[in-house]
Amino acid sequence: MSDLLSIGMSGLLAYRRALDTVSHNIANANTAGYSRQRVELASRPGAGTGYGYLGTGVDVATVRRLGDDLVSARMQTDASAYGRLQTYHGYASRVDSLLSDADAGLSRPLQGFFDAANALSQDPSSTAARQTLIGAADTLAARMRDTQAQLDAMDGEIDTRMRATVDEINTLSQALADVNREIVQGYGNFGGQPPNDLLDRRDQLLQELSSRVGISTSAQADGSVNVYVGGGQALVLGSEATALGVAADRYNSGRLDIVHAGGSRITAQVEGGALGGLLDTRREVIDPARARLGRIAAGIVETVNAQHAQGFDANGQPGADLFAPLRGAAFAATTNGGSAQVDVGFGDPGALGDSDYELRYDGAAWTLTDLRSGGTVPLTGSGTPGDPLVGAGLELQVSGAASAGDRFLIRPTVSAAGGMNVALSDPSQVAAAASTASGDNGNALALAGLGNTGVFGGGTQSLLSAHTALVSGAGMRAQQAGMQLDAQAAVGNQTLAERESVSGVNLDEEAADLIRYQQAYQAAARVVQVADTIFQTLLQAAGR
């Protein structure tokens, strides 16, 4: 009789657990990241008798979490790619809008300057036409400065968002370490049974972390998961989290680097997620746009001033600078031992590129390296004011004393457009004539033709075509990023659908299970009732 009662009770307990699990599934049908759970039942070992083994009931073997580790890993990868593209596309679209806008872009003031020079060539003695040229030059310079300021603001915004994203990463990393600790305790406290809801929580945290930065994970024997970032730097090891940070770059150029514990810089290794998107935006969108804008500004200033100097103004004097000369930026490495400083000027526009460079002193000579290609740039000169270092269209003057190993980050054009200003204010100083002859308009014609004259790339690209390339390049980059974002969203939705097909809660299935387990529970209760009836009958028989 006790066997019958025990079997019935085992069924009651097992199906009660099954009903609890189904109820838990239904309650979490709309909980993000929840994985459907299922009770796994196992028959108890039979009791041996002379006439065979008799069943002894049922036990709950485990509560299994339905999921696919490979799909979960793909979801992390998808989240990382989408987070990167979402950030990248947002900035690429903003840069495209800034440069291509008909009212806010450079196209009108740039063309307007050359149109004003052409109008001056029609009436070179007109004071109004001379004033119009100066006004057009001022409008162009102001638009250059404004565009530079907006790009600089985006660059500053990226640094601000980098700080915020690193803080979010650190918060999530600590939460993961805490959940790891709870999961290890959960496995240990209940004989190795999986703490399913904690595992869901950890997967959700990994998903959120992946959307901030690309990660790799490694499962450990105790149930914890180690998390790595930046090409193998530990972010979470078991129950210990390592914080990331930001620090000024090695040149104090105003840029932030991502640093790992101990101060190691991992900026170049970080990829994926919103943080990777910010870094890629800085490298591939903001910096190139600023550098190419500055290259155009430097080209305008150098070529216009050079041509203006070949003419004569209304007073018969050689033309002075129409635009104030531009300077590039140089930043000394924080490890430099000498007192040297570098002044960056522009020389040959035909050799001017849009790269950044590293200038290094070995104790005897200077070496200039293109940071984009990694190639060495040929240099001439000694670096003195009378004999500057000349290379890549630049003229570099070194003051102070340099020590062996000193380095400088040379950013010639990244901020050049912000310094563009008109140097002339007196209309009579506009050099419209190519000679001192009255009515000569030769230099005004030459100025008007500079827009379509080959300036960059050894004379293969004009100022106007360089601007067109800047705008079209930004537009193409934004369009490609948008297409990639849409494609990644589709991939992510497909992976999510695949996960839901395995781990998602289907309310129709749960309702069917609810009925099935309810009926089984009622049947087990009937067994207990029968056992009780038989037991009572025996008691009554024995009492007679």
Protein backbone atom coordinates (compact mmCIF):
# COMPACT_ATOMS: atom_id res chain seq x y z
CA MET A 1 0.00 0.00 0.00
CA SER A 2 2.85 2.31 0.79
CA ASP A 3 4.25 1.64 -2.70
CA LEU A 4 1.02 2.70 -4.35
CA LEU A 5 0.84 5.82 -2.20
CA SER A 6 4.49 6.64 -2.86
CA ILE A 7 4.04 6.25 -6.61
CA GLY A 8 0.97 8.49 -6.53
CA MET A 9 2.76 11.10 -4.44
CA SER A 10 5.76 11.08 -6.82
CA GLY A 11 3.37 11.82 -9.68
CA LEU A 12 1.68 14.61 -7.73
CA LEU A 13 5.02 16.26 -6.93
CA ALA A 14 6.41 15.81 -10.45
CA TYR A 15 3.37 17.21 -12.22
CA ARG A 16 3.10 20.01 -9.70
CA ARG A 17 6.66 20.99 -10.70
CA ALA A 18 5.67 20.68 -14.36
CA LEU A 19 2.65 22.93 -13.80
CA ASP A 20 4.86 25.43 -11.97
CA THR A 21 7.28 25.49 -14.91
CA VAL A 22 4.50 25.97 -17.47
CA SER A 23 3.11 28.81 -15.36
CA HIS A 24 6.60 30.36 -15.22
CA ASN A 25 6.84 30.16 -19.02
CA ILE A 26 3.45 31.81 -19.48
CA ALA A 27 4.28 34.55 -16.99
CA ASN A 28 7.50 35.35 -18.90
CA ALA A 29 6.10 35.04 -22.42
CA ASN A 30 6.93 38.70 -23.07
CA THR A 31 10.11 38.96 -20.98
CA ALA A 32 13.07 39.99 -23.14
CA GLY A 33 15.77 37.33 -23.26
CA TYR A 34 13.71 34.69 -21.46
CA SER A 35 14.27 31.09 -22.58
CA ARG A 36 11.47 28.57 -22.37
CA GLN A 37 11.96 25.96 -19.64
CA ARG A 38 10.80 22.36 -19.60
CA VAL A 39 10.63 19.76 -16.83
CA GLU A 40 12.47 16.56 -17.71
CA LEU A 41 10.90 13.55 -16.02
CA ALA A 42 12.67 10.27 -15.26
CA SER A 43 11.22 7.07 -13.88
CA ARG A 44 12.50 5.94 -10.52
CA PRO A 45 14.55 2.72 -10.47
CA GLY A 46 12.29 -0.32 -10.21
CA ALA A 47 12.13 -2.45 -7.07
CA GLY A 48 13.26 -6.03 -7.67
CA THR A 49 10.99 -8.92 -6.68
CA GLY A 50 10.96 -12.63 -7.35
CA TYR A 51 8.58 -12.04 -10.17
CA GLY A 52 10.31 -9.04 -11.72
CA TYR A 53 10.91 -5.31 -11.17
CA LEU A 54 8.04 -3.13 -10.07
CA GLY A 55 7.99 0.56 -10.92
CA THR A 56 8.35 3.00 -8.03
CA GLY A 57 7.18 6.25 -9.58
CA VAL A 58 8.64 9.32 -11.25
CA ASP A 59 11.19 12.01 -10.38
CA VAL A 60 12.00 15.40 -11.83
CA ALA A 61 15.45 14.89 -13.36
CA THR A 62 16.00 18.58 -14.18
CA VAL A 63 14.34 21.73 -15.40
CA ARG A 64 15.91 22.24 -18.82
CA ARG A 65 16.40 25.60 -20.45
CA LEU A 66 15.65 25.34 -24.15
CA GLY A 67 18.26 27.11 -26.21
CA ASP A 68 21.03 26.87 -28.78
CA ASP A 69 24.47 28.14 -27.77
CA LEU A 70 25.46 28.72 -31.40
CA VAL A 71 22.40 30.88 -32.01
CA SER A 72 23.16 32.83 -28.82
CA ALA A 73 26.71 33.45 -30.04
CA ARG A 74 25.37 34.66 -33.39
CA MET A 75 23.01 37.02 -31.62
CA GLN A 76 25.96 38.56 -29.79
CA THR A 77 27.81 38.96 -33.08
CA ASP A 78 24.72 40.49 -34.69
CA ALA A 79 24.26 42.91 -31.79
CA SER A 80 27.90 43.99 -32.07
CA ALA A 81 27.68 44.56 -35.84
CA TYR A 82 24.37 46.41 -35.59
CA GLY A 83 25.57 48.63 -32.74
CA ARG A 84 28.62 49.62 -34.77
CA LEU A 85 26.69 50.32 -37.98
CA GLN A 86 23.95 52.24 -36.21
CA THR A 87 26.51 54.64 -34.71
CA TYR A 88 28.57 54.84 -37.90
CA HIS A 89 25.56 55.48 -40.14
CA GLY A 90 24.25 58.21 -37.86
CA TYR A 91 27.46 60.25 -38.10
CA ALA A 92 28.08 59.47 -41.78
CA SER A 93 24.60 60.81 -42.59
CA ARG A 94 25.23 63.97 -40.59
CA VAL A 95 28.53 64.64 -42.36
CA ASP A 96 26.86 63.99 -45.71
CA SER A 97 24.08 66.46 -44.89
CA LEU A 98 26.58 69.07 -43.72
CA LEU A 99 28.73 68.91 -46.84
CA SER A 100 26.02 68.44 -49.46
CA ASP A 101 23.40 70.89 -48.20
CA ALA A 102 22.73 73.52 -50.86
CA ASP A 103 22.49 76.34 -48.35
CA ALA A 104 25.01 75.24 -45.69
CA GLY A 105 27.55 73.54 -47.94
CA LEU A 106 30.63 74.93 -49.64
CA SER A 107 29.48 74.65 -53.23
CA ARG A 108 27.88 78.09 -53.57
CA PRO A 109 30.51 80.18 -51.78
CA LEU A 110 33.33 78.32 -53.55
CA GLN A 111 31.82 78.87 -56.98
CA GLY A 112 30.80 82.36 -55.92
CA PHE A 113 34.43 83.33 -55.30
CA PHE A 114 35.53 82.35 -58.80
CA ASP A 115 32.42 83.96 -60.29
CA ALA A 116 33.34 87.20 -58.48
CA ALA A 117 36.86 87.01 -59.96
CA ASN A 118 35.34 86.52 -63.40
CA ALA A 119 33.05 89.52 -62.88
CA LEU A 120 36.09 91.58 -61.88
CA SER A 121 37.81 90.59 -65.14
CA GLN A 122 34.89 92.19 -67.02
CA ASP A 123 35.48 95.53 -65.29
CA PRO A 124 38.91 95.47 -63.58
CA SER A 125 38.81 99.13 -62.58
CA SER A 126 35.47 98.83 -60.76
CA THR A 127 35.77 99.41 -57.04
CA ALA A 128 32.43 97.64 -56.52
CA ALA A 129 33.68 94.53 -58.38
CA ARG A 130 36.85 94.55 -56.27
CA GLN A 131 34.79 94.83 -53.09
CA THR A 132 32.56 92.02 -54.31
CA LEU A 133 35.61 89.78 -54.74
CA ILE A 134 36.76 90.53 -51.20
CA GLY A 135 33.24 89.88 -49.91
CA ALA A 136 33.07 86.56 -51.80
CA ALA A 137 36.45 85.58 -50.34
CA ASP A 138 35.22 86.46 -46.86
CA THR A 139 32.02 84.45 -47.37
CA LEU A 140 34.04 81.44 -48.53
CA ALA A 141 36.42 81.71 -45.55
CA ALA A 142 33.51 82.05 -43.12
CA ARG A 143 31.81 78.97 -44.59
CA MET A 144 35.07 77.05 -44.31
CA ARG A 145 35.39 78.02 -40.65
CA ASP A 146 31.77 77.14 -39.94
CA THR A 147 32.05 73.74 -41.61
CA GLN A 148 35.24 73.07 -39.69
CA ALA A 149 33.53 74.07 -36.44
CA GLN A 150 30.65 71.66 -37.05
CA LEU A 151 32.99 68.80 -37.86
CA ASP A 152 35.04 69.66 -34.76
CA ALA A 153 31.85 69.59 -32.70
CA MET A 154 31.08 66.09 -33.99
CA ASP A 155 34.61 65.03 -33.09
CA GLY A 156 34.15 66.38 -29.57
CA GLU A 157 30.79 64.65 -29.35
CA ILE A 158 32.46 61.35 -30.24
CA ASP A 159 34.87 61.75 -27.31
CA THR A 160 31.95 62.49 -24.99
CA ARG A 161 30.07 59.44 -26.20
CA MET A 162 33.21 57.33 -25.87
CA ARG A 163 33.39 58.24 -22.18
CA ALA A 164 29.71 57.42 -21.68
CA THR A 165 29.95 54.12 -23.58
CA VAL A 166 33.02 53.04 -21.60
CA ASP A 167 31.06 53.74 -18.40
CA GLU A 168 28.19 51.57 -19.70
CA ILE A 169 30.63 48.79 -20.59
CA ASN A 170 32.09 48.88 -17.10
CA THR A 171 28.63 48.74 -15.52
CA LEU A 172 27.64 45.75 -17.65
CA SER A 173 30.97 44.02 -17.00
CA GLN A 174 30.49 44.31 -13.26
CA ALA A 175 26.93 43.00 -13.58
CA LEU A 176 28.23 40.04 -15.57
CA ALA A 177 30.85 39.30 -12.91
CA ASP A 178 28.12 39.39 -10.24
CA VAL A 179 25.87 37.06 -12.23
CA ASN A 180 28.81 34.71 -12.82
CA ARG A 181 29.25 34.50 -9.06
CA GLU A 182 25.57 33.72 -8.53
CA ILE A 183 25.59 31.10 -11.29
CA VAL A 184 28.60 29.28 -9.82
CA GLN A 185 26.89 29.31 -6.42
CA GLY A 186 23.66 28.10 -8.00
CA TYR A 187 25.33 25.11 -9.61
CA GLY A 188 27.12 24.29 -6.37
CA ASN A 189 24.12 24.65 -4.06
CA PHE A 190 21.83 22.24 -5.92
CA GLY A 191 23.98 19.40 -7.14
CA GLY A 192 24.95 20.90 -10.47
CA GLN A 193 21.43 21.78 -11.56
CA PRO A 194 21.41 24.82 -13.90
CA PRO A 195 20.09 28.12 -12.53
CA ASN A 196 18.13 28.82 -15.71
CA ASP A 197 16.88 32.32 -14.98
CA LEU A 198 20.37 33.46 -14.04
CA LEU A 199 21.69 31.98 -17.28
CA ASP A 200 19.06 33.98 -19.18
CA ARG A 201 20.11 37.08 -17.29
CA ARG A 202 23.73 36.50 -18.22
CA ASP A 203 22.87 35.99 -21.90
CA GLN A 204 20.92 39.24 -21.85
CA LEU A 205 23.87 41.09 -20.30
CA LEU A 206 26.22 39.61 -22.90
CA GLN A 207 23.83 40.79 -25.60
CA GLU A 208 23.76 44.31 -24.17
CA LEU A 209 27.54 44.34 -23.77
CA SER A 210 27.98 43.18 -27.38
CA SER A 211 25.92 46.11 -28.57
CA ARG A 212 28.47 48.42 -26.89
CA VAL A 213 31.70 46.67 -27.93
CA GLY A 214 32.79 43.55 -29.77
CA ILE A 215 33.58 40.72 -27.34
CA SER A 216 34.63 37.09 -27.29
CA THR A 217 33.62 34.63 -24.58
CA SER A 218 34.96 31.43 -23.08
CA ALA A 219 32.83 29.06 -20.97
CA GLN A 220 34.45 27.72 -17.81
CA ALA A 221 34.00 24.35 -16.07
CA ASP A 222 32.39 25.95 -13.01
CA GLY A 223 29.60 27.48 -15.13
CA SER A 224 31.05 30.99 -15.36
CA VAL A 225 31.91 32.74 -18.61
CA ASN A 226 35.03 34.79 -19.26
CA VAL A 227 34.70 37.83 -21.50
CA TYR A 228 37.45 39.40 -23.59
CA VAL A 229 37.69 42.62 -25.55
CA GLY A 230 40.18 44.32 -27.84
CA GLY A 231 41.94 41.25 -29.21
CA GLY A 232 42.16 39.25 -26.00
CA GLN A 233 42.16 41.74 -23.13
CA ALA A 234 40.22 40.29 -20.20
CA LEU A 235 37.07 42.20 -19.34
CA VAL A 236 35.44 39.62 -17.05
CA LEU A 237 37.22 36.66 -15.49
CA GLY A 238 34.78 34.65 -13.41
CA SER A 239 33.49 36.94 -10.69
CA GLU A 240 36.10 39.64 -11.31
CA ALA A 241 35.57 42.53 -13.75
CA THR A 242 38.30 44.76 -15.16
CA ALA A 243 37.30 48.33 -15.94
CA LEU A 244 38.16 50.11 -19.16
CA GLY A 245 39.02 53.77 -19.16
CA VAL A 246 39.87 56.70 -21.42
CA ALA A 247 43.02 58.77 -21.46
CA ALA A 248 44.59 61.48 -23.59
CA ASP A 249 46.58 60.08 -26.49
CA ARG A 250 50.37 59.96 -26.45
CA TYR A 251 50.61 63.34 -28.16
CA ASN A 252 48.03 65.23 -26.10
CA SER A 253 46.37 66.14 -29.37
CA GLY A 254 42.96 66.36 -27.75
CA ARG A 255 42.06 62.82 -28.71
CA LEU A 256 41.05 60.07 -26.29
CA ASP A 257 42.44 56.55 -26.25
CA ILE A 258 40.75 53.48 -24.78
CA VAL A 259 42.89 52.04 -21.99
CA HIS A 260 42.77 48.69 -20.21
CA ALA A 261 43.89 47.94 -16.68
CA GLY A 262 47.43 49.09 -16.07
CA GLY A 263 47.12 51.82 -18.68
CA SER A 264 47.69 49.66 -21.77
CA ARG A 265 46.17 51.35 -24.82
CA ILE A 266 43.82 49.14 -26.82
CA THR A 267 42.19 51.71 -29.11
CA ALA A 268 43.53 50.09 -32.28
CA GLN A 269 42.24 46.65 -31.19
CA VAL A 270 38.72 47.69 -30.18
CA GLU A 271 36.07 46.92 -32.77
CA GLY A 272 32.35 46.30 -32.97
CA GLY A 273 29.48 47.70 -30.96
CA ALA A 274 28.78 51.37 -30.36
CA LEU A 275 32.34 51.96 -29.12
CA GLY A 276 33.85 50.42 -32.23
CA GLY A 277 31.41 52.46 -34.30
CA LEU A 278 32.60 55.66 -32.64
CA LEU A 279 36.25 54.82 -33.27
CA ASP A 280 35.57 53.83 -36.88
CA THR A 281 33.56 57.02 -37.37
CA ARG A 282 36.46 59.07 -36.10
CA ARG A 283 38.97 57.25 -38.34
CA GLU A 284 36.86 56.82 -41.48
CA VAL A 285 34.35 59.68 -41.46
CA ILE A 286 35.25 62.68 -39.30
CA ASP A 287 39.02 62.73 -39.75
CA PRO A 288 38.97 62.26 -43.55
CA ALA A 289 36.27 64.91 -43.95
CA ARG A 290 38.22 67.42 -41.85
CA ALA A 291 41.51 66.58 -43.56
CA ARG A 292 40.06 66.88 -47.07
CA LEU A 293 38.28 70.08 -46.17
CA GLY A 294 41.55 71.49 -44.81
CA ARG A 295 43.37 70.32 -47.93
CA ILE A 296 40.93 72.28 -50.08
CA ALA A 297 41.33 75.33 -47.82
CA ALA A 298 45.12 75.10 -48.01
CA GLY A 299 44.94 74.65 -51.78
CA ILE A 300 42.75 77.73 -52.16
CA VAL A 301 44.96 79.86 -49.94
CA GLU A 302 48.25 78.76 -51.53
CA THR A 303 47.13 78.94 -55.18
CA VAL A 304 45.10 82.14 -54.86
CA ASN A 305 47.85 83.92 -52.93
CA ALA A 306 50.48 82.72 -55.40
CA GLN A 307 48.44 83.95 -58.38
CA HIS A 308 47.48 87.19 -56.66
CA ALA A 309 51.16 87.89 -56.04
CA GLN A 310 51.80 87.75 -59.79
CA GLY A 311 49.41 90.65 -60.44
CA PHE A 312 49.33 94.36 -59.68
CA ASP A 313 46.80 96.29 -57.65
CA ALA A 314 45.16 99.64 -58.47
CA ASN A 315 48.20 101.43 -57.04
CA GLY A 316 50.60 99.56 -59.32
CA GLN A 317 51.96 97.49 -56.45
CA PRO A 318 52.48 93.69 -56.60
CA GLY A 319 49.57 91.77 -55.12
CA ALA A 320 49.74 91.00 -51.42
CA ASP A 321 48.22 87.90 -49.84
CA LEU A 322 44.47 87.81 -50.41
CA PHE A 323 44.05 85.13 -47.72
CA ALA A 324 45.99 84.87 -44.48
CA PRO A 325 48.52 81.99 -44.67
CA LEU A 326 47.37 78.75 -43.05
CA ARG A 327 49.30 76.60 -40.61
CA GLY A 328 49.03 72.92 -39.81
CA ALA A 329 49.13 71.38 -36.35
CA ALA A 330 52.00 69.51 -34.68
CA PHE A 331 51.84 67.73 -31.31
CA ALA A 332 54.87 66.61 -29.33
CA ALA A 333 54.81 63.13 -27.82
CA THR A 334 54.50 63.12 -24.05
CA THR A 335 57.67 61.00 -23.88
CA ASN A 336 59.86 63.54 -25.70
CA GLY A 337 63.05 64.43 -23.87
CA GLY A 338 63.97 67.52 -25.86
CA SER A 339 62.50 71.01 -26.09
CA ALA A 340 61.90 71.01 -29.85
CA GLN A 341 58.69 72.37 -31.35
CA VAL A 342 57.52 72.04 -34.95
CA ASP A 343 55.77 74.66 -37.07
CA VAL A 344 53.78 73.25 -40.00
CA GLY A 345 53.48 75.33 -43.16
CA PHE A 346 52.25 74.51 -46.64
CA GLY A 347 54.41 74.46 -49.72
CA ASP A 348 53.51 72.62 -52.91
CA PRO A 349 49.71 72.03 -53.12
CA GLY A 350 50.30 69.47 -55.85
CA ALA A 351 52.04 67.19 -53.34
CA LEU A 352 49.63 67.90 -50.47
CA GLY A 353 47.64 64.92 -49.26
CA ASP A 354 45.10 64.40 -46.49
CA SER A 355 47.11 62.05 -44.25
CA ASP A 356 48.54 62.54 -40.80
CA TYR A 357 52.26 61.98 -40.28
CA GLU A 358 54.77 61.11 -37.58
CA LEU A 359 57.99 63.11 -37.52
CA ARG A 360 60.77 61.29 -35.68
CA TYR A 361 64.30 62.35 -34.76
CA ASP A 362 66.98 59.64 -34.41
CA GLY A 363 69.66 61.93 -33.02
CA ALA A 364 71.06 62.85 -36.42
CA ALA A 365 68.22 63.13 -38.93
CA TRP A 366 64.48 63.52 -39.20
CA THR A 367 62.13 60.92 -40.68
CA LEU A 368 58.56 61.57 -41.81
CA THR A 369 56.15 58.61 -41.90
CA ASP A 370 52.69 58.59 -43.49
CA LEU A 371 50.44 57.14 -40.77
CA ARG A 372 47.82 55.99 -43.27
CA SER A 373 50.08 54.02 -45.60
CA GLY A 374 52.99 53.43 -43.25
CA GLY A 375 55.42 54.59 -45.93
CA THR A 376 58.37 56.91 -45.42
CA VAL A 377 58.04 60.33 -47.02
CA PRO A 378 61.21 61.73 -48.69
CA LEU A 379 62.45 64.84 -46.87
CA THR A 380 64.83 67.59 -47.87
CA GLY A 381 66.16 70.46 -45.80
CA SER A 382 67.48 70.80 -42.26
CA GLY A 383 64.40 72.17 -40.50
CA THR A 384 65.64 75.72 -39.97
CA PRO A 385 63.50 78.74 -40.95
CA GLY A 386 65.70 79.33 -43.98
CA ASP A 387 65.90 75.65 -44.89
CA PRO A 388 62.74 73.91 -43.67
CA LEU A 389 62.09 70.20 -43.90
CA VAL A 390 60.17 69.79 -47.15
CA GLY A 391 58.03 66.77 -48.01
CA ALA A 392 54.44 65.77 -48.79
CA GLY A 393 53.67 69.37 -49.75
CA LEU A 394 54.65 70.59 -46.28
CA GLU A 395 57.32 72.90 -44.92
CA LEU A 396 58.34 71.97 -41.37
CA GLN A 397 60.39 74.33 -39.21
CA VAL A 398 61.93 72.95 -36.03
CA SER A 399 62.76 75.25 -33.12
CA GLY A 400 64.44 74.28 -29.86
CA ALA A 401 66.63 71.24 -29.27
CA ALA A 402 65.43 67.74 -30.15
CA SER A 403 66.60 64.57 -28.40
CA ALA A 404 67.06 61.21 -30.03
CA GLY A 405 63.73 59.37 -30.12
CA ASP A 406 61.59 62.51 -30.02
CA ARG A 407 58.39 62.22 -32.04
CA PHE A 408 55.72 64.61 -33.28
CA LEU A 409 52.25 63.96 -34.62
CA ILE A 410 51.81 66.14 -37.71
CA ARG A 411 48.18 66.85 -38.62
CA PRO A 412 48.55 69.32 -41.51
CA THR A 413 45.01 69.74 -42.76
CA VAL A 414 42.67 68.38 -40.07
CA SER A 415 42.06 71.81 -38.56
CA ALA A 416 43.39 74.04 -41.35
CA ALA A 417 39.99 75.20 -42.63
CA GLY A 418 39.25 76.71 -39.22
CA GLY A 419 42.04 79.24 -39.70
CA MET A 420 40.97 80.51 -43.10
CA ASN A 421 40.63 84.30 -43.14
CA VAL A 422 40.79 87.15 -45.66
CA ALA A 423 43.91 89.32 -45.37
CA LEU A 424 42.80 92.23 -47.58
CA SER A 425 40.15 94.80 -46.74
CA ASP A 426 41.08 97.64 -49.16
CA PRO A 427 39.53 97.11 -52.63
CA SER A 428 42.38 99.01 -54.24
CA GLN A 429 44.78 96.27 -53.14
CA VAL A 430 43.06 93.62 -55.23
CA ALA A 431 45.57 92.71 -57.95
CA ALA A 432 43.33 92.42 -61.00
CA ALA A 433 45.99 93.37 -63.56
CA ALA A 434 48.77 91.21 -64.94
CA SER A 435 50.79 94.39 -65.66
CA THR A 436 50.70 98.04 -64.69
CA ALA A 437 48.86 98.91 -67.90
CA SER A 438 45.53 100.64 -67.39
CA GLY A 439 42.51 98.37 -67.82
CA ASP A 440 44.57 95.18 -67.69
CA ASN A 441 42.41 92.27 -66.45
CA GLY A 442 44.90 89.44 -66.92
CA ASN A 443 45.32 88.49 -63.28
CA ALA A 444 41.58 88.63 -62.58
CA LEU A 445 41.08 86.19 -65.47
CA ALA A 446 43.80 83.96 -64.03
CA LEU A 447 42.14 84.03 -60.59
CA ALA A 448 38.77 83.14 -62.14
CA GLY A 449 40.34 80.15 -63.87
CA LEU A 450 41.91 78.69 -60.73
CA GLY A 451 38.75 76.77 -59.84
CA ASN A 452 39.22 74.40 -62.77
CA THR A 453 43.03 74.45 -62.84
CA GLY A 454 44.83 71.30 -61.73
CA VAL A 455 46.12 71.87 -58.21
CA PHE A 456 46.21 68.58 -56.28
CA GLY A 457 47.64 65.22 -57.18
CA GLY A 458 50.50 66.68 -59.15
CA GLY A 459 48.13 68.92 -61.08
CA THR A 460 45.52 66.26 -61.89
CA GLN A 461 42.73 67.53 -59.63
CA SER A 462 41.25 71.03 -59.48
CA LEU A 463 39.87 72.84 -56.46
CA LEU A 464 36.28 72.44 -57.66
CA SER A 465 36.71 68.74 -58.46
CA ALA A 466 38.35 68.19 -55.07
CA HIS A 467 35.27 69.68 -53.44
CA THR A 468 33.02 67.49 -55.60
CA ALA A 469 35.05 64.44 -54.53
CA LEU A 470 34.69 65.46 -50.87
CA VAL A 471 30.90 65.74 -51.13
CA SER A 472 30.39 62.62 -53.25
CA GLY A 473 32.69 60.59 -51.01
CA ALA A 474 30.71 61.57 -47.92
CA GLY A 475 27.46 60.76 -49.69
CA MET A 476 28.67 57.38 -50.89
CA ARG A 477 29.93 56.50 -47.41
CA ALA A 478 26.57 57.40 -45.85
CA GLN A 479 24.67 55.44 -48.50
CA GLN A 480 26.84 52.35 -48.06
CA ALA A 481 26.50 52.54 -44.28
CA GLY A 482 22.72 52.78 -44.63
CA MET A 483 22.59 49.73 -46.88
CA GLN A 484 24.81 47.76 -44.51
CA LEU A 485 22.67 48.80 -41.54
CA ASP A 486 19.49 47.60 -43.28
CA ALA A 487 21.16 44.32 -44.22
CA GLN A 488 22.44 43.76 -40.68
CA ALA A 489 18.99 44.50 -39.26
CA ALA A 490 17.56 41.79 -41.54
CA VAL A 491 20.25 39.33 -40.43
CA GLY A 492 19.59 40.16 -36.77
CA ASN A 493 15.84 39.65 -37.19
CA GLN A 494 16.45 36.29 -38.84
CA THR A 495 18.71 35.17 -36.00
CA LEU A 496 16.16 36.39 -33.45
CA ALA A 497 13.42 34.44 -35.21
CA GLU A 498 15.63 31.36 -35.10
CA ARG A 499 16.15 31.83 -31.39
CA GLU A 500 12.45 32.32 -30.76
CA SER A 501 11.67 29.11 -32.63
CA VAL A 502 13.77 27.24 -30.07
CA SER A 503 13.70 29.35 -26.91
CA GLY A 504 10.62 31.51 -27.29
CA VAL A 505 7.41 30.83 -25.36
CA ASN A 506 4.52 29.66 -27.53
CA LEU A 507 1.34 30.30 -25.55
CA ASP A 508 -0.63 27.68 -27.53
CA GLU A 509 1.94 25.02 -26.66
CA GLU A 510 2.03 26.12 -23.05
CA ALA A 511 -1.78 25.98 -22.86
CA ALA A 512 -1.73 22.42 -24.22
CA ASP A 513 0.98 21.46 -21.70
CA LEU A 514 -1.06 23.07 -18.95
CA ILE A 515 -4.03 20.84 -19.74
CA ARG A 516 -1.83 17.75 -20.16
CA TYR A 517 -0.04 18.22 -16.85
CA GLN A 518 -3.29 19.13 -15.09
CA GLN A 519 -4.83 15.87 -16.23
CA ALA A 520 -1.74 13.94 -15.16
CA TYR A 521 -1.83 15.69 -11.78
CA GLN A 522 -5.48 14.77 -11.34
CA ALA A 523 -4.74 11.16 -12.30
CA ALA A 524 -1.90 11.01 -9.76
CA ALA A 525 -4.24 12.44 -7.15
CA ARG A 526 -6.71 9.67 -8.05
CA VAL A 527 -3.95 7.10 -7.42
CA VAL A 528 -3.38 8.59 -3.98
CA GLN A 529 -7.12 8.49 -3.37
CA VAL A 530 -7.30 4.83 -4.41
CA ALA A 531 -4.35 4.01 -2.15
CA ASP A 532 -6.15 5.72 0.70
CA THR A 533 -9.39 3.82 -0.04
CA ILE A 534 -7.59 0.46 -0.10
CA PHE A 535 -5.77 1.34 3.10
CA GLN A 536 -9.03 2.28 4.81
CA THR A 537 -10.63 -0.96 3.61
CA LEU A 538 -7.76 -2.95 5.10
CA LEU A 539 -8.09 -1.12 8.38
CA GLN A 540 -11.79 -1.84 8.49
CA ALA A 541 -11.21 -5.53 7.67
CA ALA A 542 -8.53 -5.84 10.32
CA GLY A 543 -10.79 -4.20 12.89
CA ARG A 544 -13.55 -6.78 12.60
